Amino acid sequence: MPINTTDLLVFLTAALTLNLTPGNDMMYVLGQSIKGGARSGIAASFGIATGSFIHLVLVALGIAVVLTQYPAIFDAIRWAGAAYLVWIAYKTLTTPIGNLQTEGRQRSLFAAWRDGVLVNVFNPKTIIFMFAFLPPFIRPENGAPLMQLFILGMIFNIGGTAINCLVAAFAGKIGEMLAQSRTIARVFSLLSASLFLILAARMAFERR
């Protein structure tokens, strides 16, 4: 077995703690769920999982080293991600007022998944985080270091996806119960847009 039991238990504890800590991904899923319901939030969660897998592949290819050595590339990706979130916030605010769940059904699950992928991929802090968090748990003496990297990365990714899906289900259920009027739908739109703008600001101004 490429990963011994003790290391795996330590990693699972650390990964669970990190996945339960509210972060950019969870904020984005929350905003999508409030805006479009649980199904939209779950689709966004799988989009984030897809983006995280792409980051994992890039870590294995060593792209994380390039990002740490060339701040201009890191900043360009970061600002692109922030701009995309501002665009999502703008679209949320300009969507015609109506029943929140009706608006959510009009937006395809593919679009929610796609936005989740793009938001995650355009957040270079994800790949830097994986580059810093995963290697300490890899034991070269156990052999197959790339396999160890992918196993640990997928465990972390699956755990985060499960938690994000639970957040989506909870937030979507709240939306179904409360969003029964144009006024409440507008409040939810403002709340969703605010979450996206806060996330954009975090992505733009957080240090590496």
N, C-alpha and C. Protein backbone atom coordinates (compact mmCIF):
# COMPACT_ATOMS: atom_id res chain seq x y z
N MET A 1 0.85 -1.20 0.00
CA MET A 1 0.00 0.00 0.00
C MET A 1 0.88 1.24 0.00
N PRO A 2 0.67 2.20 -0.96
CA PRO A 2 1.56 3.35 -1.04
C PRO A 2 1.47 4.31 0.13
N ILE A 3 0.37 4.27 0.88
CA ILE A 3 0.20 5.18 2.02
C ILE A 3 -0.06 4.34 3.26
N ASN A 4 0.77 4.53 4.30
CA ASN A 4 0.56 3.73 5.50
C ASN A 4 -0.61 4.26 6.31
N THR A 5 -1.12 3.43 7.18
CA THR A 5 -2.36 3.74 7.91
C THR A 5 -2.22 4.97 8.79
N THR A 6 -1.09 5.10 9.47
CA THR A 6 -0.90 6.24 10.37
C THR A 6 -0.93 7.56 9.61
N ASP A 7 -0.18 7.62 8.51
CA ASP A 7 -0.17 8.84 7.70
C ASP A 7 -1.56 9.14 7.15
N LEU A 8 -2.28 8.09 6.76
CA LEU A 8 -3.61 8.28 6.20
C LEU A 8 -4.57 8.86 7.24
N LEU A 9 -4.50 8.36 8.47
CA LEU A 9 -5.37 8.88 9.53
C LEU A 9 -5.07 10.33 9.84
N VAL A 10 -3.78 10.67 9.89
CA VAL A 10 -3.40 12.07 10.14
C VAL A 10 -3.91 12.95 9.01
N PHE A 11 -3.74 12.47 7.78
CA PHE A 11 -4.19 13.25 6.62
C PHE A 11 -5.71 13.43 6.64
N LEU A 12 -6.44 12.37 6.94
CA LEU A 12 -7.91 12.46 6.97
C LEU A 12 -8.37 13.48 8.00
N THR A 13 -7.72 13.49 9.15
CA THR A 13 -8.08 14.46 10.20
C THR A 13 -7.84 15.88 9.73
N ALA A 14 -6.67 16.11 9.15
CA ALA A 14 -6.34 17.44 8.66
C ALA A 14 -7.25 17.85 7.52
N ALA A 15 -7.52 16.93 6.60
CA ALA A 15 -8.36 17.24 5.45
C ALA A 15 -9.79 17.55 5.87
N LEU A 16 -10.32 16.78 6.81
CA LEU A 16 -11.68 17.03 7.28
C LEU A 16 -11.78 18.39 7.94
N THR A 17 -10.79 18.73 8.75
CA THR A 17 -10.79 20.04 9.42
C THR A 17 -10.77 21.16 8.39
N LEU A 18 -9.93 21.03 7.39
CA LEU A 18 -9.83 22.07 6.36
C LEU A 18 -11.10 22.14 5.52
N ASN A 19 -11.68 21.00 5.19
CA ASN A 19 -12.89 20.99 4.37
C ASN A 19 -14.09 21.59 5.10
N LEU A 20 -14.10 21.45 6.42
CA LEU A 20 -15.20 22.01 7.22
C LEU A 20 -15.04 23.49 7.48
N THR A 21 -13.85 24.02 7.24
CA THR A 21 -13.61 25.45 7.45
C THR A 21 -14.17 26.23 6.27
N PRO A 22 -15.09 27.19 6.52
CA PRO A 22 -15.67 27.95 5.40
C PRO A 22 -14.58 28.66 4.60
N GLY A 23 -14.61 28.46 3.31
CA GLY A 23 -13.63 29.08 2.43
C GLY A 23 -14.27 29.55 1.15
N ASN A 24 -13.46 29.87 0.16
CA ASN A 24 -13.96 30.41 -1.10
C ASN A 24 -14.94 29.46 -1.79
N ASP A 25 -14.60 28.18 -1.85
CA ASP A 25 -15.47 27.21 -2.53
C ASP A 25 -16.83 27.11 -1.85
N MET A 26 -16.81 27.04 -0.52
CA MET A 26 -18.07 26.92 0.21
C MET A 26 -18.92 28.18 0.04
N MET A 27 -18.27 29.35 0.04
CA MET A 27 -19.01 30.60 -0.17
C MET A 27 -19.66 30.62 -1.55
N TYR A 28 -18.94 30.14 -2.55
CA TYR A 28 -19.48 30.14 -3.90
C TYR A 28 -20.68 29.19 -4.01
N VAL A 29 -20.56 28.00 -3.44
CA VAL A 29 -21.67 27.04 -3.46
C VAL A 29 -22.88 27.61 -2.72
N LEU A 30 -22.63 28.28 -1.60
CA LEU A 30 -23.72 28.89 -0.85
C LEU A 30 -24.45 29.93 -1.70
N GLY A 31 -23.68 30.77 -2.39
CA GLY A 31 -24.30 31.78 -3.23
C GLY A 31 -25.09 31.18 -4.37
N GLN A 32 -24.56 30.14 -5.02
CA GLN A 32 -25.27 29.48 -6.10
C GLN A 32 -26.55 28.82 -5.61
N SER A 33 -26.49 28.22 -4.42
CA SER A 33 -27.65 27.52 -3.88
C SER A 33 -28.76 28.50 -3.51
N ILE A 34 -28.38 29.63 -2.93
CA ILE A 34 -29.37 30.64 -2.57
C ILE A 34 -30.04 31.20 -3.83
N LYS A 35 -29.22 31.36 -4.88
CA LYS A 35 -29.75 31.93 -6.13
C LYS A 35 -30.58 30.94 -6.92
N GLY A 36 -30.11 29.71 -7.03
CA GLY A 36 -30.75 28.78 -7.96
C GLY A 36 -31.26 27.49 -7.37
N GLY A 37 -31.17 27.32 -6.05
CA GLY A 37 -31.66 26.11 -5.43
C GLY A 37 -30.58 25.06 -5.23
N ALA A 38 -30.96 23.96 -4.57
CA ALA A 38 -30.01 22.93 -4.18
C ALA A 38 -29.36 22.27 -5.39
N ARG A 39 -30.14 22.00 -6.44
CA ARG A 39 -29.57 21.32 -7.61
C ARG A 39 -28.48 22.16 -8.26
N SER A 40 -28.70 23.46 -8.33
CA SER A 40 -27.69 24.35 -8.89
C SER A 40 -26.44 24.35 -8.02
N GLY A 41 -26.62 24.37 -6.69
CA GLY A 41 -25.48 24.35 -5.79
C GLY A 41 -24.71 23.05 -5.86
N ILE A 42 -25.42 21.93 -5.99
CA ILE A 42 -24.74 20.63 -6.11
C ILE A 42 -23.96 20.55 -7.42
N ALA A 43 -24.58 21.06 -8.50
CA ALA A 43 -23.86 21.09 -9.78
C ALA A 43 -22.60 21.94 -9.67
N ALA A 44 -22.70 23.07 -8.98
CA ALA A 44 -21.53 23.92 -8.77
C ALA A 44 -20.48 23.20 -7.94
N SER A 45 -20.92 22.40 -6.97
CA SER A 45 -19.98 21.63 -6.15
C SER A 45 -19.18 20.66 -6.99
N PHE A 46 -19.85 19.99 -7.93
CA PHE A 46 -19.14 19.07 -8.82
C PHE A 46 -18.24 19.83 -9.80
N GLY A 47 -18.65 21.05 -10.15
CA GLY A 47 -17.79 21.87 -10.97
C GLY A 47 -16.51 22.24 -10.24
N ILE A 48 -16.64 22.58 -8.97
CA ILE A 48 -15.47 22.88 -8.14
C ILE A 48 -14.59 21.65 -8.01
N ALA A 49 -15.22 20.48 -7.86
CA ALA A 49 -14.45 19.23 -7.77
C ALA A 49 -13.66 19.00 -9.06
N THR A 50 -14.29 19.29 -10.20
CA THR A 50 -13.59 19.14 -11.48
C THR A 50 -12.40 20.09 -11.56
N GLY A 51 -12.63 21.34 -11.13
CA GLY A 51 -11.54 22.30 -11.12
C GLY A 51 -10.41 21.88 -10.20
N SER A 52 -10.76 21.32 -9.05
CA SER A 52 -9.74 20.85 -8.11
C SER A 52 -8.93 19.70 -8.69
N PHE A 53 -9.60 18.84 -9.45
CA PHE A 53 -8.88 17.74 -10.11
C PHE A 53 -7.89 18.28 -11.13
N ILE A 54 -8.30 19.32 -11.86
CA ILE A 54 -7.39 19.95 -12.82
C ILE A 54 -6.17 20.52 -12.09
N HIS A 55 -6.41 21.16 -10.94
CA HIS A 55 -5.31 21.68 -10.14
C HIS A 55 -4.38 20.56 -9.68
N LEU A 56 -4.97 19.42 -9.31
CA LEU A 56 -4.17 18.29 -8.86
C LEU A 56 -3.25 17.80 -9.98
N VAL A 57 -3.79 17.72 -11.19
CA VAL A 57 -2.97 17.33 -12.34
C VAL A 57 -1.85 18.33 -12.57
N LEU A 58 -2.17 19.62 -12.43
CA LEU A 58 -1.15 20.66 -12.63
C LEU A 58 -0.06 20.59 -11.56
N VAL A 59 -0.44 20.25 -10.33
CA VAL A 59 0.55 20.06 -9.28
C VAL A 59 1.50 18.93 -9.66
N ALA A 60 0.92 17.82 -10.15
CA ALA A 60 1.74 16.68 -10.56
C ALA A 60 2.69 17.05 -11.69
N LEU A 61 2.26 17.99 -12.55
CA LEU A 61 3.10 18.43 -13.66
C LEU A 61 4.12 19.50 -13.26
N GLY A 62 3.99 19.99 -12.03
CA GLY A 62 4.95 20.98 -11.55
C GLY A 62 4.59 22.42 -11.87
N ILE A 63 3.35 22.66 -12.34
CA ILE A 63 2.96 24.02 -12.69
C ILE A 63 2.92 24.93 -11.47
N ALA A 64 2.66 24.35 -10.30
CA ALA A 64 2.61 25.16 -9.08
C ALA A 64 3.94 25.86 -8.84
N VAL A 65 5.04 25.21 -9.19
CA VAL A 65 6.36 25.83 -9.02
C VAL A 65 6.47 27.07 -9.89
N VAL A 66 5.95 26.99 -11.12
CA VAL A 66 5.99 28.14 -12.03
C VAL A 66 5.21 29.31 -11.44
N LEU A 67 4.04 29.03 -10.88
CA LEU A 67 3.21 30.10 -10.32
C LEU A 67 3.88 30.77 -9.13
N THR A 68 4.60 30.00 -8.34
CA THR A 68 5.28 30.59 -7.18
C THR A 68 6.48 31.42 -7.60
N GLN A 69 7.10 31.07 -8.74
CA GLN A 69 8.30 31.78 -9.18
C GLN A 69 7.98 32.97 -10.08
N TYR A 70 6.80 33.01 -10.65
CA TYR A 70 6.42 34.10 -11.55
C TYR A 70 5.12 34.75 -11.05
N PRO A 71 5.24 35.71 -10.15
CA PRO A 71 4.05 36.34 -9.55
C PRO A 71 3.12 36.98 -10.57
N ALA A 72 3.65 37.46 -11.69
CA ALA A 72 2.79 38.12 -12.68
C ALA A 72 1.76 37.14 -13.25
N ILE A 73 2.19 35.90 -13.49
CA ILE A 73 1.25 34.88 -14.00
C ILE A 73 0.20 34.58 -12.95
N PHE A 74 0.64 34.41 -11.72
CA PHE A 74 -0.28 34.15 -10.60
C PHE A 74 -1.32 35.27 -10.52
N ASP A 75 -0.85 36.53 -10.56
CA ASP A 75 -1.76 37.66 -10.42
C ASP A 75 -2.73 37.76 -11.60
N ALA A 76 -2.27 37.45 -12.81
CA ALA A 76 -3.14 37.52 -13.97
C ALA A 76 -4.29 36.52 -13.85
N ILE A 77 -3.99 35.31 -13.41
CA ILE A 77 -5.03 34.29 -13.23
C ILE A 77 -5.98 34.70 -12.11
N ARG A 78 -5.40 35.22 -11.04
CA ARG A 78 -6.21 35.64 -9.88
C ARG A 78 -7.19 36.76 -10.26
N TRP A 79 -6.72 37.74 -10.98
CA TRP A 79 -7.59 38.85 -11.38
C TRP A 79 -8.64 38.40 -12.39
N ALA A 80 -8.29 37.46 -13.25
CA ALA A 80 -9.28 36.92 -14.19
C ALA A 80 -10.41 36.23 -13.43
N GLY A 81 -10.05 35.47 -12.40
CA GLY A 81 -11.06 34.81 -11.58
C GLY A 81 -11.95 35.80 -10.86
N ALA A 82 -11.34 36.86 -10.31
CA ALA A 82 -12.12 37.89 -9.61
C ALA A 82 -13.08 38.58 -10.58
N ALA A 83 -12.59 38.87 -11.79
CA ALA A 83 -13.45 39.52 -12.79
C ALA A 83 -14.63 38.63 -13.16
N TYR A 84 -14.39 37.34 -13.27
CA TYR A 84 -15.47 36.41 -13.62
C TYR A 84 -16.53 36.37 -12.51
N LEU A 85 -16.10 36.42 -11.27
CA LEU A 85 -17.05 36.44 -10.16
C LEU A 85 -17.87 37.73 -10.14
N VAL A 86 -17.23 38.85 -10.47
CA VAL A 86 -17.96 40.11 -10.57
C VAL A 86 -19.02 40.02 -11.66
N TRP A 87 -18.67 39.36 -12.78
CA TRP A 87 -19.63 39.17 -13.86
C TRP A 87 -20.81 38.32 -13.39
N ILE A 88 -20.55 37.26 -12.64
CA ILE A 88 -21.63 36.42 -12.12
C ILE A 88 -22.53 37.24 -11.18
N ALA A 89 -21.92 38.07 -10.34
CA ALA A 89 -22.70 38.93 -9.44
C ALA A 89 -23.58 39.89 -10.25
N TYR A 90 -23.02 40.46 -11.31
CA TYR A 90 -23.78 41.38 -12.16
C TYR A 90 -24.98 40.67 -12.79
N LYS A 91 -24.74 39.46 -13.34
CA LYS A 91 -25.83 38.71 -13.94
C LYS A 91 -26.91 38.36 -12.92
N THR A 92 -26.47 38.07 -11.69
CA THR A 92 -27.43 37.76 -10.63
C THR A 92 -28.32 38.96 -10.33
N LEU A 93 -27.71 40.14 -10.26
CA LEU A 93 -28.47 41.35 -9.94
C LEU A 93 -29.40 41.79 -11.07
N THR A 94 -29.02 41.48 -12.31
CA THR A 94 -29.82 41.94 -13.45
C THR A 94 -30.83 40.90 -13.94
N THR A 95 -30.86 39.74 -13.30
CA THR A 95 -31.87 38.74 -13.67
C THR A 95 -33.25 39.26 -13.28
N PRO A 96 -34.25 39.15 -14.15
CA PRO A 96 -35.60 39.63 -13.82
C PRO A 96 -36.11 39.01 -12.52
N ILE A 97 -36.75 39.83 -11.72
CA ILE A 97 -37.27 39.35 -10.45
C ILE A 97 -38.37 38.34 -10.70
N GLY A 98 -38.38 37.31 -9.92
CA GLY A 98 -39.41 36.29 -10.02
C GLY A 98 -39.19 35.27 -8.93
N ASN A 99 -39.96 34.23 -8.96
CA ASN A 99 -39.78 33.17 -7.98
C ASN A 99 -38.37 32.59 -8.10
N LEU A 100 -37.66 32.49 -7.01
CA LEU A 100 -36.25 32.09 -7.03
C LEU A 100 -36.07 30.72 -7.65
N GLN A 101 -36.92 29.78 -7.33
CA GLN A 101 -36.75 28.44 -7.86
C GLN A 101 -37.07 28.38 -9.36
N THR A 102 -38.01 29.21 -9.84
CA THR A 102 -38.28 29.27 -11.27
C THR A 102 -37.05 29.76 -12.02
N GLU A 103 -36.40 30.80 -11.48
CA GLU A 103 -35.18 31.31 -12.09
C GLU A 103 -34.10 30.24 -12.07
N GLY A 104 -34.04 29.49 -10.98
CA GLY A 104 -33.02 28.46 -10.88
C GLY A 104 -33.21 27.36 -11.92
N ARG A 105 -34.48 27.00 -12.21
CA ARG A 105 -34.75 25.97 -13.20
C ARG A 105 -34.41 26.44 -14.61
N GLN A 106 -34.53 27.77 -14.85
CA GLN A 106 -34.23 28.30 -16.17
C GLN A 106 -32.73 28.22 -16.47
N ARG A 107 -31.93 28.17 -15.46
CA ARG A 107 -30.49 28.10 -15.65
C ARG A 107 -30.07 26.63 -15.62
N SER A 108 -29.39 26.18 -16.66
CA SER A 108 -29.04 24.78 -16.78
C SER A 108 -28.05 24.36 -15.71
N LEU A 109 -28.13 23.08 -15.36
CA LEU A 109 -27.16 22.54 -14.40
C LEU A 109 -25.76 22.55 -15.00
N PHE A 110 -25.68 22.41 -16.32
CA PHE A 110 -24.37 22.48 -16.96
C PHE A 110 -23.73 23.84 -16.74
N ALA A 111 -24.53 24.90 -16.82
CA ALA A 111 -24.00 26.25 -16.60
C ALA A 111 -23.48 26.41 -15.17
N ALA A 112 -24.21 25.85 -14.21
CA ALA A 112 -23.76 25.92 -12.82
C ALA A 112 -22.46 25.14 -12.63
N TRP A 113 -22.39 23.95 -13.27
CA TRP A 113 -21.16 23.15 -13.21
C TRP A 113 -20.01 23.89 -13.86
N ARG A 114 -20.26 24.46 -15.04
CA ARG A 114 -19.22 25.18 -15.78
C ARG A 114 -18.67 26.35 -14.96
N ASP A 115 -19.57 27.12 -14.35
CA ASP A 115 -19.12 28.26 -13.55
C ASP A 115 -18.28 27.79 -12.37
N GLY A 116 -18.67 26.65 -11.76
CA GLY A 116 -17.89 26.11 -10.66
C GLY A 116 -16.48 25.74 -11.10
N VAL A 117 -16.38 25.13 -12.29
CA VAL A 117 -15.06 24.77 -12.83
C VAL A 117 -14.22 26.02 -13.03
N LEU A 118 -14.80 27.04 -13.68
CA LEU A 118 -14.04 28.23 -14.02
C LEU A 118 -13.62 29.01 -12.77
N VAL A 119 -14.53 29.13 -11.81
CA VAL A 119 -14.19 29.86 -10.59
C VAL A 119 -13.04 29.17 -9.86
N ASN A 120 -13.06 27.84 -9.82
CA ASN A 120 -12.00 27.11 -9.13
C ASN A 120 -10.68 27.18 -9.90
N VAL A 121 -10.75 26.99 -11.22
CA VAL A 121 -9.53 27.00 -12.03
C VAL A 121 -8.87 28.38 -12.00
N PHE A 122 -9.69 29.44 -11.97
CA PHE A 122 -9.15 30.79 -11.96
C PHE A 122 -8.73 31.26 -10.58
N ASN A 123 -8.74 30.35 -9.62
CA ASN A 123 -8.23 30.68 -8.28
C ASN A 123 -6.88 29.99 -8.09
N PRO A 124 -5.78 30.66 -8.40
CA PRO A 124 -4.46 30.01 -8.34
C PRO A 124 -4.05 29.62 -6.92
N LYS A 125 -4.74 30.16 -5.91
CA LYS A 125 -4.40 29.77 -4.55
C LYS A 125 -4.70 28.30 -4.29
N THR A 126 -5.62 27.74 -5.07
CA THR A 126 -5.95 26.32 -4.90
C THR A 126 -4.76 25.45 -5.23
N ILE A 127 -4.11 25.73 -6.36
CA ILE A 127 -2.97 24.90 -6.75
C ILE A 127 -1.78 25.13 -5.81
N ILE A 128 -1.60 26.37 -5.35
CA ILE A 128 -0.52 26.65 -4.40
C ILE A 128 -0.79 25.91 -3.09
N PHE A 129 -2.07 25.89 -2.67
CA PHE A 129 -2.43 25.19 -1.44
C PHE A 129 -2.13 23.70 -1.57
N MET A 130 -2.54 23.09 -2.69
CA MET A 130 -2.28 21.66 -2.87
C MET A 130 -0.78 21.38 -2.90
N PHE A 131 -0.04 22.27 -3.53
CA PHE A 131 1.41 22.11 -3.62
C PHE A 131 2.06 22.14 -2.24
N ALA A 132 1.47 22.93 -1.33
CA ALA A 132 2.03 23.04 0.02
C ALA A 132 1.50 21.97 0.96
N PHE A 133 0.22 21.56 0.77
CA PHE A 133 -0.44 20.69 1.74
C PHE A 133 -0.17 19.21 1.50
N LEU A 134 -0.16 18.78 0.24
CA LEU A 134 -0.07 17.35 -0.06
C LEU A 134 1.32 16.74 0.10
N PRO A 135 2.39 17.37 -0.41
CA PRO A 135 3.71 16.72 -0.37
C PRO A 135 4.20 16.26 1.00
N PRO A 136 3.93 16.98 2.11
CA PRO A 136 4.42 16.48 3.40
C PRO A 136 3.89 15.10 3.80
N PHE A 137 2.77 14.67 3.18
CA PHE A 137 2.20 13.37 3.50
C PHE A 137 2.69 12.27 2.56
N ILE A 138 3.52 12.64 1.59
CA ILE A 138 4.03 11.67 0.62
C ILE A 138 5.35 11.09 1.13
N ARG A 139 5.44 9.76 1.13
CA ARG A 139 6.65 9.06 1.59
C ARG A 139 7.32 8.41 0.38
N PRO A 140 8.40 9.00 -0.13
CA PRO A 140 9.08 8.41 -1.30
C PRO A 140 9.52 6.98 -1.07
N GLU A 141 9.85 6.65 0.19
CA GLU A 141 10.31 5.29 0.47
C GLU A 141 9.22 4.24 0.26
N ASN A 142 7.95 4.69 0.23
CA ASN A 142 6.84 3.75 -0.02
C ASN A 142 6.64 3.49 -1.51
N GLY A 143 7.35 4.25 -2.35
CA GLY A 143 7.22 4.07 -3.80
C GLY A 143 6.01 4.77 -4.37
N ALA A 144 6.00 4.92 -5.69
CA ALA A 144 4.89 5.51 -6.45
C ALA A 144 4.43 6.85 -5.86
N PRO A 145 5.32 7.85 -5.80
CA PRO A 145 4.94 9.13 -5.20
C PRO A 145 3.78 9.82 -5.93
N LEU A 146 3.73 9.69 -7.27
CA LEU A 146 2.61 10.30 -7.99
C LEU A 146 1.28 9.64 -7.63
N MET A 147 1.31 8.33 -7.43
CA MET A 147 0.09 7.64 -7.00
C MET A 147 -0.33 8.12 -5.62
N GLN A 148 0.64 8.28 -4.73
CA GLN A 148 0.32 8.83 -3.41
C GLN A 148 -0.31 10.21 -3.53
N LEU A 149 0.28 11.05 -4.39
CA LEU A 149 -0.24 12.40 -4.58
C LEU A 149 -1.69 12.38 -5.04
N PHE A 150 -1.99 11.53 -6.02
CA PHE A 150 -3.35 11.47 -6.55
C PHE A 150 -4.33 10.88 -5.54
N ILE A 151 -3.90 9.88 -4.80
CA ILE A 151 -4.79 9.30 -3.79
C ILE A 151 -5.16 10.34 -2.73
N LEU A 152 -4.14 11.03 -2.22
CA LEU A 152 -4.39 12.05 -1.19
C LEU A 152 -5.22 13.20 -1.77
N GLY A 153 -4.88 13.62 -2.97
CA GLY A 153 -5.62 14.71 -3.59
C GLY A 153 -7.07 14.36 -3.83
N MET A 154 -7.35 13.14 -4.26
CA MET A 154 -8.72 12.73 -4.51
C MET A 154 -9.50 12.56 -3.22
N ILE A 155 -8.84 12.08 -2.17
CA ILE A 155 -9.50 11.99 -0.87
C ILE A 155 -9.93 13.38 -0.40
N PHE A 156 -9.01 14.32 -0.52
CA PHE A 156 -9.31 15.70 -0.11
C PHE A 156 -10.44 16.28 -0.97
N ASN A 157 -10.38 16.00 -2.26
CA ASN A 157 -11.38 16.53 -3.19
C ASN A 157 -12.76 15.94 -2.92
N ILE A 158 -12.82 14.63 -2.73
CA ILE A 158 -14.11 13.97 -2.47
C ILE A 158 -14.72 14.45 -1.16
N GLY A 159 -13.90 14.60 -0.13
CA GLY A 159 -14.41 15.10 1.14
C GLY A 159 -14.97 16.50 1.02
N GLY A 160 -14.22 17.37 0.31
CA GLY A 160 -14.71 18.74 0.12
C GLY A 160 -15.98 18.79 -0.69
N THR A 161 -16.09 17.92 -1.70
CA THR A 161 -17.30 17.88 -2.53
C THR A 161 -18.52 17.44 -1.72
N ALA A 162 -18.33 16.43 -0.88
CA ALA A 162 -19.44 15.95 -0.05
C ALA A 162 -19.94 17.05 0.88
N ILE A 163 -19.02 17.78 1.49
CA ILE A 163 -19.41 18.86 2.41
C ILE A 163 -20.10 19.98 1.65
N ASN A 164 -19.56 20.33 0.47
CA ASN A 164 -20.19 21.39 -0.34
C ASN A 164 -21.59 20.99 -0.78
N CYS A 165 -21.79 19.72 -1.10
CA CYS A 165 -23.13 19.25 -1.49
C CYS A 165 -24.11 19.35 -0.32
N LEU A 166 -23.64 19.07 0.88
CA LEU A 166 -24.50 19.23 2.06
C LEU A 166 -24.87 20.69 2.27
N VAL A 167 -23.90 21.58 2.08
CA VAL A 167 -24.17 23.02 2.18
C VAL A 167 -25.20 23.43 1.13
N ALA A 168 -25.04 22.91 -0.09
CA ALA A 168 -25.98 23.24 -1.17
C ALA A 168 -27.38 22.76 -0.84
N ALA A 169 -27.49 21.55 -0.33
CA ALA A 169 -28.81 21.01 0.01
C ALA A 169 -29.49 21.83 1.10
N PHE A 170 -28.71 22.22 2.11
CA PHE A 170 -29.27 23.01 3.21
C PHE A 170 -29.70 24.39 2.71
N ALA A 171 -28.81 25.08 2.00
CA ALA A 171 -29.13 26.42 1.52
C ALA A 171 -30.27 26.39 0.52
N GLY A 172 -30.30 25.37 -0.34
CA GLY A 172 -31.38 25.26 -1.31
C GLY A 172 -32.73 25.04 -0.65
N LYS A 173 -32.74 24.23 0.41
CA LYS A 173 -33.99 23.98 1.13
C LYS A 173 -34.51 25.26 1.79
N ILE A 174 -33.61 26.06 2.34
CA ILE A 174 -34.01 27.34 2.90
C ILE A 174 -34.63 28.21 1.82
N GLY A 175 -34.00 28.21 0.65
CA GLY A 175 -34.53 28.99 -0.46
C GLY A 175 -35.91 28.54 -0.88
N GLU A 176 -36.13 27.24 -0.94
CA GLU A 176 -37.44 26.70 -1.33
C GLU A 176 -38.53 27.12 -0.34
N MET A 177 -38.18 27.17 0.93
CA MET A 177 -39.18 27.50 1.94
C MET A 177 -39.50 28.99 2.00
N LEU A 178 -38.48 29.82 1.73
CA LEU A 178 -38.65 31.25 1.95
C LEU A 178 -38.89 32.07 0.69
N ALA A 179 -38.35 31.60 -0.43
CA ALA A 179 -38.44 32.42 -1.65
C ALA A 179 -39.77 32.24 -2.35
N GLN A 180 -40.83 32.80 -1.79
CA GLN A 180 -42.17 32.66 -2.36
C GLN A 180 -42.74 33.99 -2.81
N SER A 181 -41.94 35.03 -2.80
CA SER A 181 -42.42 36.34 -3.23
C SER A 181 -41.32 37.07 -3.97
N ARG A 182 -41.72 38.09 -4.73
CA ARG A 182 -40.75 38.89 -5.47
C ARG A 182 -39.79 39.60 -4.52
N THR A 183 -40.30 40.05 -3.38
CA THR A 183 -39.45 40.77 -2.43
C THR A 183 -38.36 39.85 -1.88
N ILE A 184 -38.76 38.64 -1.46
CA ILE A 184 -37.77 37.72 -0.92
C ILE A 184 -36.81 37.27 -2.01
N ALA A 185 -37.32 37.08 -3.22
CA ALA A 185 -36.44 36.71 -4.33
C ALA A 185 -35.39 37.78 -4.57
N ARG A 186 -35.78 39.06 -4.46
CA ARG A 186 -34.82 40.14 -4.62
C ARG A 186 -33.79 40.14 -3.50
N VAL A 187 -34.24 39.86 -2.27
CA VAL A 187 -33.31 39.79 -1.15
C VAL A 187 -32.28 38.68 -1.37
N PHE A 188 -32.77 37.51 -1.83
CA PHE A 188 -31.86 36.40 -2.11
C PHE A 188 -30.89 36.75 -3.23
N SER A 189 -31.37 37.46 -4.26
CA SER A 189 -30.49 37.87 -5.35
C SER A 189 -29.39 38.79 -4.83
N LEU A 190 -29.78 39.73 -3.97
CA LEU A 190 -28.79 40.66 -3.40
C LEU A 190 -27.79 39.91 -2.52
N LEU A 191 -28.29 38.94 -1.75
CA LEU A 191 -27.41 38.17 -0.89
C LEU A 191 -26.43 37.34 -1.72
N SER A 192 -26.94 36.70 -2.77
CA SER A 192 -26.07 35.89 -3.64
C SER A 192 -25.02 36.77 -4.29
N ALA A 193 -25.45 37.89 -4.85
CA ALA A 193 -24.51 38.80 -5.51
C ALA A 193 -23.46 39.31 -4.52
N SER A 194 -23.88 39.58 -3.29
CA SER A 194 -22.93 40.05 -2.27
C SER A 194 -21.89 38.98 -1.97
N LEU A 195 -22.32 37.73 -1.88
CA LEU A 195 -21.38 36.64 -1.63
C LEU A 195 -20.37 36.53 -2.77
N PHE A 196 -20.85 36.66 -4.00
CA PHE A 196 -19.93 36.57 -5.14
C PHE A 196 -18.95 37.74 -5.15
N LEU A 197 -19.41 38.94 -4.78
CA LEU A 197 -18.52 40.10 -4.76
C LEU A 197 -17.49 39.99 -3.63
N ILE A 198 -17.92 39.49 -2.48
CA ILE A 198 -16.98 39.27 -1.38
C ILE A 198 -15.93 38.26 -1.78
N LEU A 199 -16.38 37.19 -2.44
CA LEU A 199 -15.44 36.16 -2.91
C LEU A 199 -14.47 36.74 -3.94
N ALA A 200 -14.98 37.60 -4.84
CA ALA A 200 -14.12 38.24 -5.83
C ALA A 200 -13.06 39.11 -5.14
N ALA A 201 -13.48 39.85 -4.11
CA ALA A 201 -12.53 40.70 -3.40
C ALA A 201 -11.47 39.86 -2.68
N ARG A 202 -11.89 38.75 -2.09
CA ARG A 202 -10.92 37.88 -1.44
C ARG A 202 -9.92 37.32 -2.43
N MET A 203 -10.43 36.90 -3.58
CA MET A 203 -9.55 36.34 -4.59
C MET A 203 -8.58 37.38 -5.12
N ALA A 204 -9.06 38.62 -5.26
CA ALA A 204 -8.24 39.68 -5.85
C ALA A 204 -7.17 40.20 -4.89
N PHE A 205 -7.52 40.30 -3.62
CA PHE A 205 -6.64 41.01 -2.70
C PHE A 205 -5.92 40.14 -1.68
N GLU A 206 -6.28 38.86 -1.58
CA GLU A 206 -5.55 37.98 -0.68
C GLU A 206 -4.13 37.80 -1.18
N ARG A 207 -3.20 37.78 -0.25
CA ARG A 207 -1.80 37.53 -0.60
C ARG A 207 -1.61 36.06 -0.89
N ARG A 208 -0.56 35.76 -1.67
CA ARG A 208 -0.27 34.36 -1.98
C ARG A 208 0.17 33.62 -0.73
